[in-house]
PDB file of N, CA and C in Angstrom:
ATOM      1  N   MET A   1      22.916 -16.967  -0.582  1.00  0.00           N
ATOM      2  CA  MET A   1      22.830 -15.563  -0.263  1.00  0.00           C
ATOM      3  C   MET A   1      21.961 -15.382   0.974  1.00  0.00           C
ATOM      4  N   ASN A   2      22.529 -14.879   2.043  1.00  0.00           N
ATOM      5  CA  ASN A   2      21.805 -14.713   3.295  1.00  0.00           C
ATOM      6  C   ASN A   2      21.289 -13.282   3.387  1.00  0.00           C
ATOM      7  N   LYS A   3      19.977 -13.126   3.347  1.00  0.00           N
ATOM      8  CA  LYS A   3      19.377 -11.794   3.429  1.00  0.00           C
ATOM      9  C   LYS A   3      18.588 -11.676   4.716  1.00  0.00           C
ATOM     10  N   LYS A   4      18.517 -10.463   5.215  1.00  0.00           N
ATOM     11  CA  LYS A   4      17.754 -10.183   6.419  1.00  0.00           C
ATOM     12  C   LYS A   4      16.264 -10.399   6.184  1.00  0.00           C
ATOM     13  N   TRP A   5      15.785 -10.038   5.012  1.00  0.00           N
ATOM     14  CA  TRP A   5      14.386 -10.224   4.635  1.00  0.00           C
ATOM     15  C   TRP A   5      14.330 -10.509   3.140  1.00  0.00           C
ATOM     16  N   ALA A   6      13.247 -11.066   2.716  1.00  0.00           N
ATOM     17  CA  ALA A   6      13.065 -11.315   1.285  1.00  0.00           C
ATOM     18  C   ALA A   6      12.646  -9.998   0.638  1.00  0.00           C
ATOM     19  N   ALA A   7      13.334  -9.614  -0.397  1.00  0.00           N
ATOM     20  CA  ALA A   7      13.042  -8.344  -1.063  1.00  0.00           C
ATOM     21  C   ALA A   7      12.024  -8.541  -2.172  1.00  0.00           C
ATOM     22  N   LYS A   8      11.140  -7.594  -2.294  1.00  0.00           N
ATOM     23  CA  LYS A   8      10.184  -7.579  -3.393  1.00  0.00           C
ATOM     24  C   LYS A   8      10.229  -6.179  -3.982  1.00  0.00           C
ATOM     25  N   ARG A   9      10.496  -6.092  -5.246  1.00  0.00           N
ATOM     26  CA  ARG A   9      10.595  -4.800  -5.914  1.00  0.00           C
ATOM     27  C   ARG A   9       9.204  -4.373  -6.367  1.00  0.00           C
ATOM     28  N   ILE A  10       8.876  -3.115  -6.085  1.00  0.00           N
ATOM     29  CA  ILE A  10       7.609  -2.566  -6.552  1.00  0.00           C
ATOM     30  C   ILE A  10       7.885  -1.277  -7.324  1.00  0.00           C
ATOM     31  N   THR A  11       6.994  -0.934  -8.189  1.00  0.00           N
ATOM     32  CA  THR A  11       7.070   0.317  -8.935  1.00  0.00           C
ATOM     33  C   THR A  11       5.845   1.135  -8.571  1.00  0.00           C
ATOM     34  N   ILE A  12       6.047   2.395  -8.258  1.00  0.00           N
ATOM     35  CA  ILE A  12       4.908   3.261  -7.963  1.00  0.00           C
ATOM     36  C   ILE A  12       4.909   4.432  -8.934  1.00  0.00           C
ATOM     37  N   ASN A  13       3.742   4.882  -9.274  1.00  0.00           N
ATOM     38  CA  ASN A  13       3.585   6.051 -10.129  1.00  0.00           C
ATOM     39  C   ASN A  13       3.214   7.232  -9.248  1.00  0.00           C
ATOM     40  N   LEU A  14       4.005   8.290  -9.334  1.00  0.00           N
ATOM     41  CA  LEU A  14       3.755   9.485  -8.544  1.00  0.00           C
ATOM     42  C   LEU A  14       3.510  10.660  -9.475  1.00  0.00           C
ATOM     43  N   ALA A  15       2.629  11.523  -9.049  1.00  0.00           N
ATOM     44  CA  ALA A  15       2.458  12.793  -9.758  1.00  0.00           C
ATOM     45  C   ALA A  15       3.733  13.598  -9.549  1.00  0.00           C
ATOM     46  N   SER A  16       3.989  14.541 -10.431  1.00  0.00           N
ATOM     47  CA  SER A  16       5.232  15.307 -10.326  1.00  0.00           C
ATOM     48  C   SER A  16       5.325  16.039  -8.982  1.00  0.00           C
ATOM     49  N   VAL A  17       4.216  16.522  -8.469  1.00  0.00           N
ATOM     50  CA  VAL A  17       4.208  17.202  -7.167  1.00  0.00           C
ATOM     51  C   VAL A  17       4.612  16.225  -6.064  1.00  0.00           C
ATOM     52  N   GLU A  18       4.083  15.010  -6.128  1.00  0.00           N
ATOM     53  CA  GLU A  18       4.425  13.993  -5.128  1.00  0.00           C
ATOM     54  C   GLU A  18       5.893  13.609  -5.208  1.00  0.00           C
ATOM     55  N   SER A  19       6.385  13.434  -6.412  1.00  0.00           N
ATOM     56  CA  SER A  19       7.783  13.071  -6.613  1.00  0.00           C
ATOM     57  C   SER A  19       8.713  14.165  -6.093  1.00  0.00           C
ATOM     58  N   GLU A  20       8.384  15.410  -6.398  1.00  0.00           N
ATOM     59  CA  GLU A  20       9.193  16.535  -5.925  1.00  0.00           C
ATOM     60  C   GLU A  20       9.181  16.620  -4.402  1.00  0.00           C
ATOM     61  N   LYS A  21       8.019  16.378  -3.817  1.00  0.00           N
ATOM     62  CA  LYS A  21       7.910  16.429  -2.360  1.00  0.00           C
ATOM     63  C   LYS A  21       8.780  15.347  -1.725  1.00  0.00           C
ATOM     64  N   LEU A  22       8.737  14.139  -2.279  1.00  0.00           N
ATOM     65  CA  LEU A  22       9.564  13.040  -1.777  1.00  0.00           C
ATOM     66  C   LEU A  22      11.045  13.376  -1.926  1.00  0.00           C
ATOM     67  N   GLU A  23      11.426  13.902  -3.079  1.00  0.00           N
ATOM     68  CA  GLU A  23      12.827  14.264  -3.314  1.00  0.00           C
ATOM     69  C   GLU A  23      13.296  15.350  -2.349  1.00  0.00           C
ATOM     70  N   ARG A  24      12.457  16.361  -2.118  1.00  0.00           N
ATOM     71  CA  ARG A  24      12.830  17.435  -1.180  1.00  0.00           C
ATOM     72  C   ARG A  24      12.982  16.886   0.233  1.00  0.00           C
ATOM     73  N   TYR A  25      12.043  16.004   0.620  1.00  0.00           N
ATOM     74  CA  TYR A  25      12.112  15.422   1.962  1.00  0.00           C
ATOM     75  C   TYR A  25      13.395  14.609   2.126  1.00  0.00           C
ATOM     76  N   CYS A  26      13.704  13.798   1.131  1.00  0.00           N
ATOM     77  CA  CYS A  26      14.915  12.965   1.191  1.00  0.00           C
ATOM     78  C   CYS A  26      16.166  13.830   1.238  1.00  0.00           C
ATOM     79  N   ALA A  27      16.183  14.901   0.467  1.00  0.00           N
ATOM     80  CA  ALA A  27      17.341  15.798   0.464  1.00  0.00           C
ATOM     81  C   ALA A  27      17.508  16.480   1.818  1.00  0.00           C
ATOM     82  N   SER A  28      16.391  16.887   2.421  1.00  0.00           N
ATOM     83  CA  SER A  28      16.485  17.611   3.694  1.00  0.00           C
ATOM     84  C   SER A  28      16.827  16.685   4.863  1.00  0.00           C
ATOM     85  N   THR A  29      16.459  15.410   4.761  1.00  0.00           N
ATOM     86  CA  THR A  29      16.741  14.471   5.856  1.00  0.00           C
ATOM     87  C   THR A  29      17.985  13.632   5.589  1.00  0.00           C
ATOM     88  N   GLY A  30      18.444  13.620   4.338  1.00  0.00           N
ATOM     89  CA  GLY A  30      19.602  12.803   3.993  1.00  0.00           C
ATOM     90  C   GLY A  30      19.290  11.316   3.926  1.00  0.00           C
ATOM     91  N   ARG A  31      18.024  10.998   3.811  1.00  0.00           N
ATOM     92  CA  ARG A  31      17.616   9.589   3.771  1.00  0.00           C
ATOM     93  C   ARG A  31      17.205   9.205   2.358  1.00  0.00           C
ATOM     94  N   PRO A  32      17.468   7.948   1.965  1.00  0.00           N
ATOM     95  CA  PRO A  32      17.031   7.506   0.640  1.00  0.00           C
ATOM     96  C   PRO A  32      15.515   7.306   0.598  1.00  0.00           C
ATOM     97  N   ALA A  33      14.939   7.472  -0.589  1.00  0.00           N
ATOM     98  CA  ALA A  33      13.492   7.335  -0.769  1.00  0.00           C
ATOM     99  C   ALA A  33      13.011   5.959  -0.320  1.00  0.00           C
ATOM    100  N   THR A  34      13.808   4.932  -0.571  1.00  0.00           N
ATOM    101  CA  THR A  34      13.422   3.574  -0.174  1.00  0.00           C
ATOM    102  C   THR A  34      13.163   3.498   1.327  1.00  0.00           C
ATOM    103  N   ASP A  35      14.040   4.094   2.120  1.00  0.00           N
ATOM    104  CA  ASP A  35      13.864   4.059   3.574  1.00  0.00           C
ATOM    105  C   ASP A  35      12.635   4.851   4.010  1.00  0.00           C
ATOM    106  N   VAL A  36      12.413   5.991   3.375  1.00  0.00           N
ATOM    107  CA  VAL A  36      11.262   6.823   3.722  1.00  0.00           C
ATOM    108  C   VAL A  36       9.966   6.088   3.412  1.00  0.00           C
ATOM    109  N   ILE A  37       9.878   5.503   2.225  1.00  0.00           N
ATOM    110  CA  ILE A  37       8.669   4.781   1.829  1.00  0.00           C
ATOM    111  C   ILE A  37       8.462   3.559   2.718  1.00  0.00           C
ATOM    112  N   ARG A  38       9.524   2.837   3.010  1.00  0.00           N
ATOM    113  CA  ARG A  38       9.417   1.662   3.872  1.00  0.00           C
ATOM    114  C   ARG A  38       8.897   2.062   5.263  1.00  0.00           C
ATOM    115  N   GLU A  39       9.398   3.173   5.800  1.00  0.00           N
ATOM    116  CA  GLU A  39       8.931   3.640   7.108  1.00  0.00           C
ATOM    117  C   GLU A  39       7.457   4.024   7.070  1.00  0.00           C
ATOM    118  N   LEU A  40       7.040   4.678   5.988  1.00  0.00           N
ATOM    119  CA  LEU A  40       5.631   5.052   5.866  1.00  0.00           C
ATOM    120  C   LEU A  40       4.735   3.815   5.804  1.00  0.00           C
ATOM    121  N   ILE A  41       5.175   2.793   5.086  1.00  0.00           N
ATOM    122  CA  ILE A  41       4.394   1.552   4.998  1.00  0.00           C
ATOM    123  C   ILE A  41       4.308   0.886   6.362  1.00  0.00           C
ATOM    124  N   ARG A  42       5.411   0.866   7.085  1.00  0.00           N
ATOM    125  CA  ARG A  42       5.407   0.245   8.423  1.00  0.00           C
ATOM    126  C   ARG A  42       4.503   0.980   9.397  1.00  0.00           C
ATOM    127  N   SER A  43       4.276   2.272   9.175  1.00  0.00           N
ATOM    128  CA  SER A  43       3.446   3.054  10.092  1.00  0.00           C
ATOM    129  C   SER A  43       1.949   2.883   9.826  1.00  0.00           C
ATOM    130  N   LEU A  44       1.590   2.199   8.739  1.00  0.00           N
ATOM    131  CA  LEU A  44       0.181   1.987   8.422  1.00  0.00           C
ATOM    132  C   LEU A  44      -0.464   1.071   9.450  1.00  0.00           C
ATOM    133  N   THR A  45      -1.695   1.381   9.803  1.00  0.00           N
ATOM    134  CA  THR A  45      -2.445   0.496  10.683  1.00  0.00           C
ATOM    135  C   THR A  45      -3.447  -0.280   9.842  1.00  0.00           C
ATOM    136  N   ILE A  46      -3.649  -1.507  10.223  1.00  0.00           N
ATOM    137  CA  ILE A  46      -4.559  -2.381   9.483  1.00  0.00           C
ATOM    138  C   ILE A  46      -5.716  -2.746  10.394  1.00  0.00           C
ATOM    139  N   THR A  47      -6.919  -2.491   9.918  1.00  0.00           N
ATOM    140  CA  THR A  47      -8.117  -2.873  10.645  1.00  0.00           C
ATOM    141  C   THR A  47      -8.547  -4.244  10.133  1.00  0.00           C
ATOM    142  N   GLU A  48      -8.719  -5.165  11.037  1.00  0.00           N
ATOM    143  CA  GLU A  48      -9.130  -6.508  10.649  1.00  0.00           C
ATOM    144  C   GLU A  48     -10.547  -6.474  10.098  1.00  0.00           C
ATOM    145  N   LEU A  49     -10.750  -7.173   8.998  1.00  0.00           N
ATOM    146  CA  LEU A  49     -12.071  -7.258   8.379  1.00  0.00           C
ATOM    147  C   LEU A  49     -12.846  -8.419   8.986  1.00  0.00           C
ATOM    148  N   SER A  50     -14.147  -8.266   9.047  1.00  0.00           N
ATOM    149  CA  SER A  50     -14.975  -9.375   9.494  1.00  0.00           C
ATOM    150  C   SER A  50     -14.973 -10.450   8.412  1.00  0.00           C
ATOM    151  N   ALA A  51     -15.372 -11.647   8.754  1.00  0.00           N
ATOM    152  CA  ALA A  51     -15.382 -12.755   7.792  1.00  0.00           C
ATOM    153  C   ALA A  51     -16.230 -12.421   6.572  1.00  0.00           C
ATOM    154  N   SER A  52     -17.344 -11.734   6.775  1.00  0.00           N
ATOM    155  CA  SER A  52     -18.213 -11.407   5.640  1.00  0.00           C
ATOM    156  C   SER A  52     -17.560 -10.383   4.715  1.00  0.00           C
ATOM    157  N   GLU A  53     -16.699  -9.527   5.252  1.00  0.00           N
ATOM    158  CA  GLU A  53     -16.025  -8.538   4.418  1.00  0.00           C
ATOM    159  C   GLU A  53     -14.837  -9.142   3.667  1.00  0.00           C
ATOM    160  N   GLN A  54     -14.273 -10.223   4.183  1.00  0.00           N
ATOM    161  CA  GLN A  54     -13.126 -10.845   3.547  1.00  0.00           C
ATOM    162  C   GLN A  54     -13.516 -11.648   2.318  1.00  0.00           C
ATOM    163  N   THR A  55     -14.707 -12.194   2.311  1.00  0.00           N
ATOM    164  CA  THR A  55     -15.162 -13.011   1.197  1.00  0.00           C
ATOM    165  C   THR A  55     -16.133 -12.211   0.360  1.00  0.00           C
ATOM    166  N   PRO A  56     -15.780 -11.957  -0.894  1.00  0.00           N
ATOM    167  CA  PRO A  56     -16.714 -11.184  -1.715  1.00  0.00           C
ATOM    168  C   PRO A  56     -17.998 -11.966  -1.956  1.00  0.00           C
ATOM    169  N   THR A  57     -19.102 -11.265  -1.898  1.00  0.00           N
ATOM    170  CA  THR A  57     -20.385 -11.914  -2.145  1.00  0.00           C
ATOM    171  C   THR A  57     -21.063 -11.221  -3.317  1.00  0.00           C
ATOM    172  N   LEU A  58     -21.813 -11.962  -4.039  1.00  0.00           N
ATOM    173  CA  LEU A  58     -22.565 -11.424  -5.160  1.00  0.00           C
ATOM    174  C   LEU A  58     -24.029 -11.385  -4.782  1.00  0.00           C
ATOM    175  N   LYS A  59     -24.685 -10.308  -5.127  1.00  0.00           N
ATOM    176  CA  LYS A  59     -26.109 -10.190  -4.826  1.00  0.00           C
ATOM    177  C   LYS A  59     -26.842 -10.028  -6.129  1.00  0.00           C
ATOM    178  N   TYR A  60     -27.849 -10.860  -6.311  1.00  0.00           N
ATOM    179  CA  TYR A  60     -28.646 -10.805  -7.524  1.00  0.00           C
ATOM    180  C   TYR A  60     -30.083 -10.498  -7.171  1.00  0.00           C
ATOM    181  N   ASP A  61     -30.722  -9.720  -8.002  1.00  0.00           N
ATOM    182  CA  ASP A  61     -32.149  -9.490  -7.855  1.00  0.00           C
ATOM    183  C   ASP A  61     -32.849 -10.501  -8.748  1.00  0.00           C
ATOM    184  N   ILE A  62     -33.477 -11.477  -8.109  1.00  0.00           N
ATOM    185  CA  ILE A  62     -34.144 -12.546  -8.850  1.00  0.00           C
ATOM    186  C   ILE A  62     -35.651 -12.399  -8.617  1.00  0.00           C
ATOM    187  N   PRO A  63     -36.397 -12.237  -9.687  1.00  0.00           N
ATOM    188  CA  PRO A  63     -37.849 -12.112  -9.507  1.00  0.00           C
ATOM    189  C   PRO A  63     -38.434 -13.439  -9.010  1.00  0.00           C
ATOM    190  N   ILE A  64     -39.381 -13.343  -8.110  1.00  0.00           N
ATOM    191  CA  ILE A  64     -40.044 -14.531  -7.590  1.00  0.00           C
ATOM    192  C   ILE A  64     -41.318 -14.746  -8.403  1.00  0.00           C
ATOM    193  N   LEU A  65     -41.439 -15.892  -9.007  1.00  0.00           N
ATOM    194  CA  LEU A  65     -42.614 -16.222  -9.809  1.00  0.00           C
ATOM    195  C   LEU A  65     -43.638 -16.935  -8.940  1.00  0.00           C
ATOM    196  N   LYS A  66     -44.872 -16.524  -9.029  1.00  0.00           N
ATOM    197  CA  LYS A  66     -45.928 -17.158  -8.238  1.00  0.00           C
ATOM    198  C   LYS A  66     -46.902 -17.835  -9.137  1.00  0.00           C
TER     199      LYS A  66
END
């Protein structure tokens, strides 16, 4: 099976207001929800994280005994 891209199915939970808004938008533009959501995801910008932000660190308060 030759596909243009590898598909991954996701499920999203929308509030009824969000779902209605998506449905109205799709009806007014004649576009399927999948295309609208895919376009919105593609429009996201990603800010690169610094190395320290990419690796979670744990901080402990350790009393120093003298």
